Each structure stands twice: as C-alpha cells, then as structure tokens.
Amino acid sequence: MATPAADATSSPTPPRQEAPARKAVRVVVKGRVQGVGFRDWTAETAESLGLAGWVRNRRDGTVEALLSGDAAKVDEMVSRHLPVGSPASAVTAVVPSPADPVHPSLGFEIKFTV
C-alpha cells in the first residue's frame, strides 16, 4: 500500500511559544528613598522592563511598590535595579513579599503616600 504524498503547499506548524511565566512581588525599599526622585525612577525603570504595578511613599520613610509581569523581569528589578536606586538615593534594604499579579494593561502608576 502506498503512503499518501505530503501536500507541497502545507507548511509545518510553527512551534508554540510558551507565554513567559508571570510573577508579582510587593517590595518595601528602605534607606534614603524619599525626596530623591525614587518613585519617578522606579516607575520609569519598571515601565522600561514592561512591568505593571505601582509605587508610593509610606509615612515611615520607606517606599512600597508592586511589581508585576514577566518573572525574569520582576527578578531583575528586585535584585539588580532597586538595590541601586535612583542617582540621589541610598538604598539600605529591599524587602520583597509575594503578591497577586495585576493585568499588564493597567501599566505602572505613582500612588499617593500611605
């Protein structure tokens, strides 16, 4: 019995790309992080990495942020960018905790102090 010939016009199905793993963390950043452009810097850096979430000052002198998006980009923000901070800041600690992801369409915003 002959095997059917392959249709010359059909192309193989391209491999299915997996969506990047999504992750979210809430971080509290300690040190000289208020009055030094830290929130603006955080928002700009997070947006450049394609992250969604928010950042705000806290009355205790820390800055709090929610970072949500591609797991590798969230990890990069937490481990490489936040510990350095904005040029005028002096970060002494970054304390992450798990959080629920937010939808990427929400973007990144600067919130009021709590």
PDB file of N, CA and C in Angstrom:
ATOM      1  N   MET A   1       0.848  -1.170   0.000  1.00  0.00           N
ATOM      2  CA  MET A   1       0.000   0.000   0.000  1.00  0.00           C
ATOM      3  C   MET A   1       0.890   1.228   0.000  1.00  0.00           C
ATOM      4  N   ALA A   2       0.588   2.173  -0.839  1.00  0.00           N
ATOM      5  CA  ALA A   2       1.398   3.381  -0.968  1.00  0.00           C
ATOM      6  C   ALA A   2       1.003   4.369   0.119  1.00  0.00           C
ATOM      7  N   THR A   3       1.996   5.139   0.582  1.00  0.00           N
ATOM      8  CA  THR A   3       1.703   6.166   1.577  1.00  0.00           C
ATOM      9  C   THR A   3       1.318   7.440   0.849  1.00  0.00           C
ATOM     10  N   PRO A   4       0.394   8.205   1.391  1.00  0.00           N
ATOM     11  CA  PRO A   4      -0.027   9.438   0.730  1.00  0.00           C
ATOM     12  C   PRO A   4       1.136  10.432   0.682  1.00  0.00           C
ATOM     13  N   ALA A   5       1.240  11.133  -0.427  1.00  0.00           N
ATOM     14  CA  ALA A   5       2.298  12.128  -0.575  1.00  0.00           C
ATOM     15  C   ALA A   5       1.958  13.354   0.259  1.00  0.00           C
ATOM     16  N   ALA A   6       2.979  13.972   0.805  1.00  0.00           N
ATOM     17  CA  ALA A   6       2.767  15.191   1.593  1.00  0.00           C
ATOM     18  C   ALA A   6       2.359  16.323   0.661  1.00  0.00           C
ATOM     19  N   ASP A   7       1.429  17.120   1.105  1.00  0.00           N
ATOM     20  CA  ASP A   7       0.976  18.267   0.332  1.00  0.00           C
ATOM     21  C   ASP A   7       2.105  19.295   0.305  1.00  0.00           C
ATOM     22  N   ALA A   8       2.606  19.627  -0.867  1.00  0.00           N
ATOM     23  CA  ALA A   8       3.739  20.532  -1.004  1.00  0.00           C
ATOM     24  C   ALA A   8       3.406  21.955  -0.570  1.00  0.00           C
ATOM     25  N   THR A   9       2.128  22.297  -0.501  1.00  0.00           N
ATOM     26  CA  THR A   9       1.763  23.667  -0.134  1.00  0.00           C
ATOM     27  C   THR A   9       1.598  23.838   1.371  1.00  0.00           C
ATOM     28  N   SER A  10       1.528  22.766   2.100  1.00  0.00           N
ATOM     29  CA  SER A  10       1.344  22.912   3.542  1.00  0.00           C
ATOM     30  C   SER A  10       2.709  23.100   4.208  1.00  0.00           C
ATOM     31  N   SER A  11       2.712  23.897   5.227  1.00  0.00           N
ATOM     32  CA  SER A  11       3.955  24.109   5.962  1.00  0.00           C
ATOM     33  C   SER A  11       3.786  23.518   7.348  1.00  0.00           C
ATOM     34  N   PRO A  12       4.883  23.153   7.950  1.00  0.00           N
ATOM     35  CA  PRO A  12       4.767  22.577   9.290  1.00  0.00           C
ATOM     36  C   PRO A  12       4.248  23.627  10.275  1.00  0.00           C
ATOM     37  N   THR A  13       3.559  23.158  11.268  1.00  0.00           N
ATOM     38  CA  THR A  13       3.040  24.057  12.290  1.00  0.00           C
ATOM     39  C   THR A  13       4.215  24.609  13.081  1.00  0.00           C
ATOM     40  N   PRO A  14       4.283  25.948  13.218  1.00  0.00           N
ATOM     41  CA  PRO A  14       5.401  26.509  13.981  1.00  0.00           C
ATOM     42  C   PRO A  14       5.301  26.081  15.435  1.00  0.00           C
ATOM     43  N   PRO A  15       6.441  25.949  16.093  1.00  0.00           N
ATOM     44  CA  PRO A  15       6.383  25.561  17.498  1.00  0.00           C
ATOM     45  C   PRO A  15       5.624  26.607  18.307  1.00  0.00           C
ATOM     46  N   ARG A  16       4.857  26.139  19.248  1.00  0.00           N
ATOM     47  CA  ARG A  16       4.053  27.035  20.068  1.00  0.00           C
ATOM     48  C   ARG A  16       4.938  27.680  21.122  1.00  0.00           C
ATOM     49  N   GLN A  17       4.932  29.000  21.164  1.00  0.00           N
ATOM     50  CA  GLN A  17       5.735  29.693  22.151  1.00  0.00           C
ATOM     51  C   GLN A  17       4.963  29.772  23.450  1.00  0.00           C
ATOM     52  N   GLU A  18       5.645  29.404  24.502  1.00  0.00           N
ATOM     53  CA  GLU A  18       5.033  29.488  25.818  1.00  0.00           C
ATOM     54  C   GLU A  18       5.031  30.950  26.265  1.00  0.00           C
ATOM     55  N   ALA A  19       3.952  31.347  26.884  1.00  0.00           N
ATOM     56  CA  ALA A  19       3.908  32.692  27.444  1.00  0.00           C
ATOM     57  C   ALA A  19       4.901  32.746  28.610  1.00  0.00           C
ATOM     58  N   PRO A  20       5.599  33.870  28.763  1.00  0.00           N
ATOM     59  CA  PRO A  20       6.548  33.944  29.869  1.00  0.00           C
ATOM     60  C   PRO A  20       5.826  33.789  31.203  1.00  0.00           C
ATOM     61  N   ALA A  21       6.513  33.171  32.143  1.00  0.00           N
ATOM     62  CA  ALA A  21       5.927  32.990  33.469  1.00  0.00           C
ATOM     63  C   ALA A  21       5.690  34.358  34.092  1.00  0.00           C
ATOM     64  N   ARG A  22       4.521  34.547  34.672  1.00  0.00           N
ATOM     65  CA  ARG A  22       4.179  35.832  35.287  1.00  0.00           C
ATOM     66  C   ARG A  22       4.397  35.736  36.792  1.00  0.00           C
ATOM     67  N   LYS A  23       4.782  36.858  37.348  1.00  0.00           N
ATOM     68  CA  LYS A  23       5.099  36.910  38.770  1.00  0.00           C
ATOM     69  C   LYS A  23       4.773  38.298  39.280  1.00  0.00           C
ATOM     70  N   ALA A  24       4.484  38.385  40.563  1.00  0.00           N
ATOM     71  CA  ALA A  24       4.292  39.694  41.185  1.00  0.00           C
ATOM     72  C   ALA A  24       4.898  39.669  42.578  1.00  0.00           C
ATOM     73  N   VAL A  25       5.504  40.771  42.952  1.00  0.00           N
ATOM     74  CA  VAL A  25       6.029  40.936  44.307  1.00  0.00           C
ATOM     75  C   VAL A  25       5.677  42.326  44.802  1.00  0.00           C
ATOM     76  N   ARG A  26       5.508  42.407  46.095  1.00  0.00           N
ATOM     77  CA  ARG A  26       5.367  43.697  46.766  1.00  0.00           C
ATOM     78  C   ARG A  26       6.694  43.919  47.460  1.00  0.00           C
ATOM     79  N   VAL A  27       7.291  45.067  47.264  1.00  0.00           N
ATOM     80  CA  VAL A  27       8.580  45.343  47.889  1.00  0.00           C
ATOM     81  C   VAL A  27       8.480  46.585  48.758  1.00  0.00           C
ATOM     82  N   VAL A  28       9.229  46.566  49.841  1.00  0.00           N
ATOM     83  CA  VAL A  28       9.416  47.748  50.667  1.00  0.00           C
ATOM     84  C   VAL A  28      10.895  48.081  50.558  1.00  0.00           C
ATOM     85  N   VAL A  29      11.180  49.315  50.158  1.00  0.00           N
ATOM     86  CA  VAL A  29      12.560  49.752  49.963  1.00  0.00           C
ATOM     87  C   VAL A  29      12.897  50.739  51.079  1.00  0.00           C
ATOM     88  N   LYS A  30      14.016  50.447  51.769  1.00  0.00           N
ATOM     89  CA  LYS A  30      14.433  51.256  52.916  1.00  0.00           C
ATOM     90  C   LYS A  30      15.697  52.034  52.575  1.00  0.00           C
ATOM     91  N   GLY A  31      15.922  53.101  53.318  1.00  0.00           N
ATOM     92  CA  GLY A  31      17.100  53.937  53.132  1.00  0.00           C
ATOM     93  C   GLY A  31      16.683  55.365  52.843  1.00  0.00           C
ATOM     94  N   ARG A  32      17.567  56.112  52.149  1.00  0.00           N
ATOM     95  CA  ARG A  32      17.207  57.472  51.731  1.00  0.00           C
ATOM     96  C   ARG A  32      16.523  57.342  50.381  1.00  0.00           C
ATOM     97  N   VAL A  33      15.198  57.162  50.432  1.00  0.00           N
ATOM     98  CA  VAL A  33      14.441  56.869  49.210  1.00  0.00           C
ATOM     99  C   VAL A  33      13.265  57.826  48.996  1.00  0.00           C
ATOM    100  N   GLN A  34      13.116  58.812  49.870  1.00  0.00           N
ATOM    101  CA  GLN A  34      12.067  59.817  49.683  1.00  0.00           C
ATOM    102  C   GLN A  34      12.714  61.175  49.443  1.00  0.00           C
ATOM    103  N   GLY A  35      12.123  61.945  48.539  1.00  0.00           N
ATOM    104  CA  GLY A  35      12.647  63.265  48.227  1.00  0.00           C
ATOM    105  C   GLY A  35      13.867  63.234  47.320  1.00  0.00           C
ATOM    106  N   VAL A  36      14.115  62.090  46.680  1.00  0.00           N
ATOM    107  CA  VAL A  36      15.304  61.932  45.831  1.00  0.00           C
ATOM    108  C   VAL A  36      14.945  61.412  44.438  1.00  0.00           C
ATOM    109  N   GLY A  37      13.667  61.510  44.055  1.00  0.00           N
ATOM    110  CA  GLY A  37      13.242  61.049  42.730  1.00  0.00           C
ATOM    111  C   GLY A  37      13.100  59.543  42.612  1.00  0.00           C
ATOM    112  N   PHE A  38      13.032  58.859  43.741  1.00  0.00           N
ATOM    113  CA  PHE A  38      12.993  57.394  43.714  1.00  0.00           C
ATOM    114  C   PHE A  38      11.718  56.850  43.080  1.00  0.00           C
ATOM    115  N   ARG A  39      10.571  57.444  43.373  1.00  0.00           N
ATOM    116  CA  ARG A  39       9.323  56.935  42.795  1.00  0.00           C
ATOM    117  C   ARG A  39       9.301  57.112  41.285  1.00  0.00           C
ATOM    118  N   ASP A  40       9.700  58.293  40.804  1.00  0.00           N
ATOM    119  CA  ASP A  40       9.749  58.504  39.353  1.00  0.00           C
ATOM    120  C   ASP A  40      10.722  57.533  38.698  1.00  0.00           C
ATOM    121  N   TRP A  41      11.888  57.376  39.297  1.00  0.00           N
ATOM    122  CA  TRP A  41      12.896  56.454  38.762  1.00  0.00           C
ATOM    123  C   TRP A  41      12.343  55.021  38.726  1.00  0.00           C
ATOM    124  N   THR A  42      11.649  54.618  39.807  1.00  0.00           N
ATOM    125  CA  THR A  42      11.076  53.270  39.874  1.00  0.00           C
ATOM    126  C   THR A  42      10.051  53.071  38.764  1.00  0.00           C
ATOM    127  N   ALA A  43       9.171  54.049  38.576  1.00  0.00           N
ATOM    128  CA  ALA A  43       8.143  53.934  37.534  1.00  0.00           C
ATOM    129  C   ALA A  43       8.789  53.842  36.152  1.00  0.00           C
ATOM    130  N   GLU A  44       9.770  54.697  35.878  1.00  0.00           N
ATOM    131  CA  GLU A  44      10.442  54.671  34.568  1.00  0.00           C
ATOM    132  C   GLU A  44      11.161  53.350  34.338  1.00  0.00           C
ATOM    133  N   THR A  45      11.854  52.858  35.352  1.00  0.00           N
ATOM    134  CA  THR A  45      12.604  51.605  35.219  1.00  0.00           C
ATOM    135  C   THR A  45      11.653  50.428  35.035  1.00  0.00           C
ATOM    136  N   ALA A  46      10.586  50.382  35.829  1.00  0.00           N
ATOM    137  CA  ALA A  46       9.606  49.300  35.713  1.00  0.00           C
ATOM    138  C   ALA A  46       8.955  49.309  34.327  1.00  0.00           C
ATOM    139  N   GLU A  47       8.586  50.484  33.843  1.00  0.00           N
ATOM    140  CA  GLU A  47       7.972  50.573  32.512  1.00  0.00           C
ATOM    141  C   GLU A  47       8.944  50.128  31.429  1.00  0.00           C
ATOM    142  N   SER A  48      10.226  50.465  31.577  1.00  0.00           N
ATOM    143  CA  SER A  48      11.212  50.057  30.566  1.00  0.00           C
ATOM    144  C   SER A  48      11.377  48.539  30.528  1.00  0.00           C
ATOM    145  N   LEU A  49      11.071  47.878  31.636  1.00  0.00           N
ATOM    146  CA  LEU A  49      11.131  46.415  31.696  1.00  0.00           C
ATOM    147  C   LEU A  49       9.799  45.769  31.324  1.00  0.00           C
ATOM    148  N   GLY A  50       8.775  46.576  31.047  1.00  0.00           N
ATOM    149  CA  GLY A  50       7.466  46.048  30.691  1.00  0.00           C
ATOM    150  C   GLY A  50       6.651  45.578  31.877  1.00  0.00           C
ATOM    151  N   LEU A  51       6.942  46.114  33.057  1.00  0.00           N
ATOM    152  CA  LEU A  51       6.228  45.694  34.257  1.00  0.00           C
ATOM    153  C   LEU A  51       5.011  46.586  34.506  1.00  0.00           C
ATOM    154  N   ALA A  52       4.028  46.023  35.165  1.00  0.00           N
ATOM    155  CA  ALA A  52       2.851  46.755  35.604  1.00  0.00           C
ATOM    156  C   ALA A  52       2.915  46.862  37.120  1.00  0.00           C
ATOM    157  N   GLY A  53       2.118  47.766  37.676  1.00  0.00           N
ATOM    158  CA  GLY A  53       2.051  47.888  39.128  1.00  0.00           C
ATOM    159  C   GLY A  53       1.998  49.328  39.572  1.00  0.00           C
ATOM    160  N   TRP A  54       2.593  49.600  40.727  1.00  0.00           N
ATOM    161  CA  TRP A  54       2.547  50.940  41.298  1.00  0.00           C
ATOM    162  C   TRP A  54       3.695  51.134  42.277  1.00  0.00           C
ATOM    163  N   VAL A  55       3.910  52.400  42.650  1.00  0.00           N
ATOM    164  CA  VAL A  55       4.911  52.747  43.660  1.00  0.00           C
ATOM    165  C   VAL A  55       4.353  53.907  44.484  1.00  0.00           C
ATOM    166  N   ARG A  56       4.673  53.941  45.781  1.00  0.00           N
ATOM    167  CA  ARG A  56       4.205  55.026  46.635  1.00  0.00           C
ATOM    168  C   ARG A  56       5.137  55.193  47.838  1.00  0.00           C
ATOM    169  N   ASN A  57       5.168  56.405  48.373  1.00  0.00           N
ATOM    170  CA  ASN A  57       5.867  56.664  49.626  1.00  0.00           C
ATOM    171  C   ASN A  57       5.005  56.160  50.767  1.00  0.00           C
ATOM    172  N   ARG A  58       5.679  55.812  51.867  1.00  0.00           N
ATOM    173  CA  ARG A  58       4.971  55.468  53.096  1.00  0.00           C
ATOM    174  C   ARG A  58       5.400  56.449  54.179  1.00  0.00           C
ATOM    175  N   ARG A  59       4.510  56.679  55.097  1.00  0.00           N
ATOM    176  CA  ARG A  59       4.786  57.673  56.148  1.00  0.00           C
ATOM    177  C   ARG A  59       5.985  57.310  57.015  1.00  0.00           C
ATOM    178  N   ASP A  60       6.380  56.041  57.023  1.00  0.00           N
ATOM    179  CA  ASP A  60       7.531  55.628  57.842  1.00  0.00           C
ATOM    180  C   ASP A  60       8.871  55.905  57.154  1.00  0.00           C
ATOM    181  N   GLY A  61       8.836  56.559  55.970  1.00  0.00           N
ATOM    182  CA  GLY A  61      10.068  56.909  55.275  1.00  0.00           C
ATOM    183  C   GLY A  61      10.511  55.907  54.230  1.00  0.00           C
ATOM    184  N   THR A  62       9.805  54.794  54.104  1.00  0.00           N
ATOM    185  CA  THR A  62      10.137  53.795  53.091  1.00  0.00           C
ATOM    186  C   THR A  62       9.335  54.061  51.821  1.00  0.00           C
ATOM    187  N   VAL A  63       9.653  53.306  50.787  1.00  0.00           N
ATOM    188  CA  VAL A  63       8.881  53.317  49.544  1.00  0.00           C
ATOM    189  C   VAL A  63       8.369  51.901  49.333  1.00  0.00           C
ATOM    190  N   GLU A  64       7.116  51.793  48.940  1.00  0.00           N
ATOM    191  CA  GLU A  64       6.483  50.496  48.683  1.00  0.00           C
ATOM    192  C   GLU A  64       6.126  50.423  47.211  1.00  0.00           C
ATOM    193  N   ALA A  65       6.311  49.237  46.616  1.00  0.00           N
ATOM    194  CA  ALA A  65       5.961  49.070  45.203  1.00  0.00           C
ATOM    195  C   ALA A  65       5.383  47.686  44.974  1.00  0.00           C
ATOM    196  N   LEU A  66       4.509  47.597  43.984  1.00  0.00           N
ATOM    197  CA  LEU A  66       4.007  46.330  43.472  1.00  0.00           C
ATOM    198  C   LEU A  66       4.558  46.201  42.058  1.00  0.00           C
ATOM    199  N   LEU A  67       5.263  45.117  41.808  1.00  0.00           N
ATOM    200  CA  LEU A  67       5.879  44.867  40.505  1.00  0.00           C
ATOM    201  C   LEU A  67       5.290  43.587  39.947  1.00  0.00           C
ATOM    202  N   SER A  68       4.731  43.658  38.741  1.00  0.00           N
ATOM    203  CA  SER A  68       4.048  42.509  38.167  1.00  0.00           C
ATOM    204  C   SER A  68       4.403  42.385  36.695  1.00  0.00           C
ATOM    205  N   GLY A  69       4.686  41.152  36.274  1.00  0.00           N
ATOM    206  CA  GLY A  69       4.995  40.921  34.864  1.00  0.00           C
ATOM    207  C   GLY A  69       5.807  39.659  34.676  1.00  0.00           C
ATOM    208  N   ASP A  70       6.598  39.639  33.608  1.00  0.00           N
ATOM    209  CA  ASP A  70       7.468  38.516  33.312  1.00  0.00           C
ATOM    210  C   ASP A  70       8.355  38.245  34.524  1.00  0.00           C
ATOM    211  N   ALA A  71       8.400  36.980  34.962  1.00  0.00           N
ATOM    212  CA  ALA A  71       9.128  36.627  36.188  1.00  0.00           C
ATOM    213  C   ALA A  71      10.586  37.059  36.144  1.00  0.00           C
ATOM    214  N   ALA A  72      11.251  36.873  35.009  1.00  0.00           N
ATOM    215  CA  ALA A  72      12.661  37.247  34.907  1.00  0.00           C
ATOM    216  C   ALA A  72      12.837  38.757  35.044  1.00  0.00           C
ATOM    217  N   LYS A  73      11.908  39.532  34.497  1.00  0.00           N
ATOM    218  CA  LYS A  73      11.995  40.998  34.583  1.00  0.00           C
ATOM    219  C   LYS A  73      11.701  41.487  35.998  1.00  0.00           C
ATOM    220  N   VAL A  74      10.742  40.853  36.675  1.00  0.00           N
ATOM    221  CA  VAL A  74      10.460  41.202  38.072  1.00  0.00           C
ATOM    222  C   VAL A  74      11.697  40.917  38.912  1.00  0.00           C
ATOM    223  N   ASP A  75      12.298  39.738  38.717  1.00  0.00           N
ATOM    224  CA  ASP A  75      13.504  39.385  39.465  1.00  0.00           C
ATOM    225  C   ASP A  75      14.639  40.369  39.187  1.00  0.00           C
ATOM    226  N   GLU A  76      14.786  40.784  37.925  1.00  0.00           N
ATOM    227  CA  GLU A  76      15.818  41.757  37.559  1.00  0.00           C
ATOM    228  C   GLU A  76      15.593  43.079  38.295  1.00  0.00           C
ATOM    229  N   MET A  77      14.354  43.529  38.343  1.00  0.00           N
ATOM    230  CA  MET A  77      14.042  44.793  39.020  1.00  0.00           C
ATOM    231  C   MET A  77      14.382  44.697  40.506  1.00  0.00           C
ATOM    232  N   VAL A  78      14.012  43.573  41.127  1.00  0.00           N
ATOM    233  CA  VAL A  78      14.208  43.416  42.569  1.00  0.00           C
ATOM    234  C   VAL A  78      15.678  43.211  42.925  1.00  0.00           C
ATOM    235  N   SER A  79      16.397  42.449  42.127  1.00  0.00           N
ATOM    236  CA  SER A  79      17.768  42.103  42.509  1.00  0.00           C
ATOM    237  C   SER A  79      18.840  43.027  41.935  1.00  0.00           C
ATOM    238  N   ARG A  80      18.567  43.664  40.778  1.00  0.00           N
ATOM    239  CA  ARG A  80      19.597  44.490  40.136  1.00  0.00           C
ATOM    240  C   ARG A  80      19.321  45.983  40.182  1.00  0.00           C
ATOM    241  N   HIS A  81      18.071  46.380  40.008  1.00  0.00           N
ATOM    242  CA  HIS A  81      17.772  47.809  39.897  1.00  0.00           C
ATOM    243  C   HIS A  81      17.421  48.472  41.232  1.00  0.00           C
ATOM    244  N   LEU A  82      16.473  47.893  41.971  1.00  0.00           N
ATOM    245  CA  LEU A  82      16.052  48.526  43.221  1.00  0.00           C
ATOM    246  C   LEU A  82      17.189  48.675  44.233  1.00  0.00           C
ATOM    247  N   PRO A  83      18.091  47.702  44.396  1.00  0.00           N
ATOM    248  CA  PRO A  83      19.174  47.889  45.377  1.00  0.00           C
ATOM    249  C   PRO A  83      20.095  49.071  45.050  1.00  0.00           C
ATOM    250  N   VAL A  84      20.169  49.461  43.794  1.00  0.00           N
ATOM    251  CA  VAL A  84      20.993  50.607  43.382  1.00  0.00           C
ATOM    252  C   VAL A  84      20.187  51.887  43.513  1.00  0.00           C
ATOM    253  N   GLY A  85      18.948  51.871  43.010  1.00  0.00           N
ATOM    254  CA  GLY A  85      18.041  53.001  43.133  1.00  0.00           C
ATOM    255  C   GLY A  85      18.373  54.159  42.225  1.00  0.00           C
ATOM    256  N   SER A  86      17.675  55.252  42.452  1.00  0.00           N
ATOM    257  CA  SER A  86      17.886  56.474  41.664  1.00  0.00           C
ATOM    258  C   SER A  86      19.236  57.076  42.039  1.00  0.00           C
ATOM    259  N   PRO A  87      19.764  57.952  41.179  1.00  0.00           N
ATOM    260  CA  PRO A  87      21.101  58.508  41.450  1.00  0.00           C
ATOM    261  C   PRO A  87      21.262  59.158  42.828  1.00  0.00           C
ATOM    262  N   ALA A  88      20.234  59.841  43.334  1.00  0.00           N
ATOM    263  CA  ALA A  88      20.356  60.543  44.616  1.00  0.00           C
ATOM    264  C   ALA A  88      19.938  59.693  45.814  1.00  0.00           C
ATOM    265  N   SER A  89      19.496  58.479  45.583  1.00  0.00           N
ATOM    266  CA  SER A  89      19.026  57.651  46.699  1.00  0.00           C
ATOM    267  C   SER A  89      20.183  56.863  47.331  1.00  0.00           C
ATOM    268  N   ALA A  90      19.902  56.323  48.506  1.00  0.00           N
ATOM    269  CA  ALA A  90      20.847  55.429  49.183  1.00  0.00           C
ATOM    270  C   ALA A  90      20.019  54.291  49.771  1.00  0.00           C
ATOM    271  N   VAL A  91      19.885  53.217  49.013  1.00  0.00           N
ATOM    272  CA  VAL A  91      19.060  52.082  49.423  1.00  0.00           C
ATOM    273  C   VAL A  91      19.834  51.228  50.416  1.00  0.00           C
ATOM    274  N   THR A  92      19.185  50.912  51.556  1.00  0.00           N
ATOM    275  CA  THR A  92      19.817  50.047  52.550  1.00  0.00           C
ATOM    276  C   THR A  92      19.201  48.650  52.579  1.00  0.00           C
ATOM    277  N   ALA A  93      17.968  48.503  52.082  1.00  0.00           N
ATOM    278  CA  ALA A  93      17.320  47.182  52.066  1.00  0.00           C
ATOM    279  C   ALA A  93      16.166  47.177  51.076  1.00  0.00           C
ATOM    280  N   VAL A  94      15.973  46.024  50.447  1.00  0.00           N
ATOM    281  CA  VAL A  94      14.815  45.765  49.592  1.00  0.00           C
ATOM    282  C   VAL A  94      14.176  44.506  50.147  1.00  0.00           C
ATOM    283  N   VAL A  95      12.936  44.630  50.628  1.00  0.00           N
ATOM    284  CA  VAL A  95      12.258  43.512  51.283  1.00  0.00           C
ATOM    285  C   VAL A  95      11.071  43.084  50.423  1.00  0.00           C
ATOM    286  N   PRO A  96      11.228  41.973  49.666  1.00  0.00           N
ATOM    287  CA  PRO A  96      10.125  41.517  48.813  1.00  0.00           C
ATOM    288  C   PRO A  96       9.205  40.544  49.531  1.00  0.00           C
ATOM    289  N   SER A  97       7.955  40.510  49.103  1.00  0.00           N
ATOM    290  CA  SER A  97       6.998  39.507  49.564  1.00  0.00           C
ATOM    291  C   SER A  97       6.081  39.177  48.388  1.00  0.00           C
ATOM    292  N   PRO A  98       5.555  37.943  48.334  1.00  0.00           N
ATOM    293  CA  PRO A  98       4.703  37.549  47.207  1.00  0.00           C
ATOM    294  C   PRO A  98       3.444  38.421  47.120  1.00  0.00           C
ATOM    295  N   ALA A  99       2.952  38.570  45.900  1.00  0.00           N
ATOM    296  CA  ALA A  99       1.723  39.340  45.670  1.00  0.00           C
ATOM    297  C   ALA A  99       0.973  38.729  44.503  1.00  0.00           C
ATOM    298  N   ASP A 100      -0.265  39.141  44.327  1.00  0.00           N
ATOM    299  CA  ASP A 100      -1.061  38.698  43.187  1.00  0.00           C
ATOM    300  C   ASP A 100      -0.733  39.573  41.988  1.00  0.00           C
ATOM    301  N   PRO A 101      -0.513  38.954  40.811  1.00  0.00           N
ATOM    302  CA  PRO A 101      -0.212  39.743  39.606  1.00  0.00           C
ATOM    303  C   PRO A 101      -1.365  40.662  39.231  1.00  0.00           C
ATOM    304  N   VAL A 102      -1.026  41.777  38.597  1.00  0.00           N
ATOM    305  CA  VAL A 102      -2.029  42.682  38.050  1.00  0.00           C
ATOM    306  C   VAL A 102      -1.979  42.569  36.537  1.00  0.00           C
ATOM    307  N   HIS A 103      -3.059  42.943  35.883  1.00  0.00           N
ATOM    308  CA  HIS A 103      -3.126  42.844  34.432  1.00  0.00           C
ATOM    309  C   HIS A 103      -2.154  43.836  33.798  1.00  0.00           C
ATOM    310  N   PRO A 104      -1.381  43.398  32.784  1.00  0.00           N
ATOM    311  CA  PRO A 104      -0.402  44.285  32.151  1.00  0.00           C
ATOM    312  C   PRO A 104      -0.998  45.576  31.591  1.00  0.00           C
ATOM    313  N   SER A 105      -2.277  45.544  31.209  1.00  0.00           N
ATOM    314  CA  SER A 105      -2.896  46.735  30.625  1.00  0.00           C
ATOM    315  C   SER A 105      -3.041  47.870  31.640  1.00  0.00           C
ATOM    316  N   LEU A 106      -2.897  47.554  32.921  1.00  0.00           N
ATOM    317  CA  LEU A 106      -3.021  48.600  33.941  1.00  0.00           C
ATOM    318  C   LEU A 106      -1.801  49.520  33.975  1.00  0.00           C
ATOM    319  N   GLY A 107      -0.688  49.079  33.398  1.00  0.00           N
ATOM    320  CA  GLY A 107       0.502  49.910  33.353  1.00  0.00           C
ATOM    321  C   GLY A 107       1.122  50.090  34.725  1.00  0.00           C
ATOM    322  N   PHE A 108       1.895  51.152  34.858  1.00  0.00           N
ATOM    323  CA  PHE A 108       2.589  51.431  36.125  1.00  0.00           C
ATOM    324  C   PHE A 108       2.247  52.838  36.569  1.00  0.00           C
ATOM    325  N   GLU A 109       1.890  53.006  37.839  1.00  0.00           N
ATOM    326  CA  GLU A 109       1.468  54.316  38.318  1.00  0.00           C
ATOM    327  C   GLU A 109       2.152  54.686  39.627  1.00  0.00           C
ATOM    328  N   ILE A 110       2.214  55.981  39.865  1.00  0.00           N
ATOM    329  CA  ILE A 110       2.702  56.510  41.138  1.00  0.00           C
ATOM    330  C   ILE A 110       1.475  56.842  41.969  1.00  0.00           C
ATOM    331  N   LYS A 111       1.398  56.244  43.165  1.00  0.00           N
ATOM    332  CA  LYS A 111       0.237  56.443  44.040  1.00  0.00           C
ATOM    333  C   LYS A 111       0.564  57.439  45.146  1.00  0.00           C
ATOM    334  N   PHE A 112      -0.493  57.875  45.830  1.00  0.00           N
ATOM    335  CA  PHE A 112      -0.343  58.785  46.954  1.00  0.00           C
ATOM    336  C   PHE A 112       0.289  58.074  48.150  1.00  0.00           C
ATOM    337  N   THR A 113       0.885  58.841  49.025  1.00  0.00           N
ATOM    338  CA  THR A 113       1.504  58.345  50.261  1.00  0.00           C
ATOM    339  C   THR A 113       0.460  57.709  51.166  1.00  0.00           C
ATOM    340  N   VAL A 114       0.876  56.618  51.823  1.00  0.00           N
ATOM    341  CA  VAL A 114       0.007  55.986  52.836  1.00  0.00           C
ATOM    342  C   VAL A 114       0.720  55.925  54.167  1.00  0.00           C
TER     343      VAL A 114
END
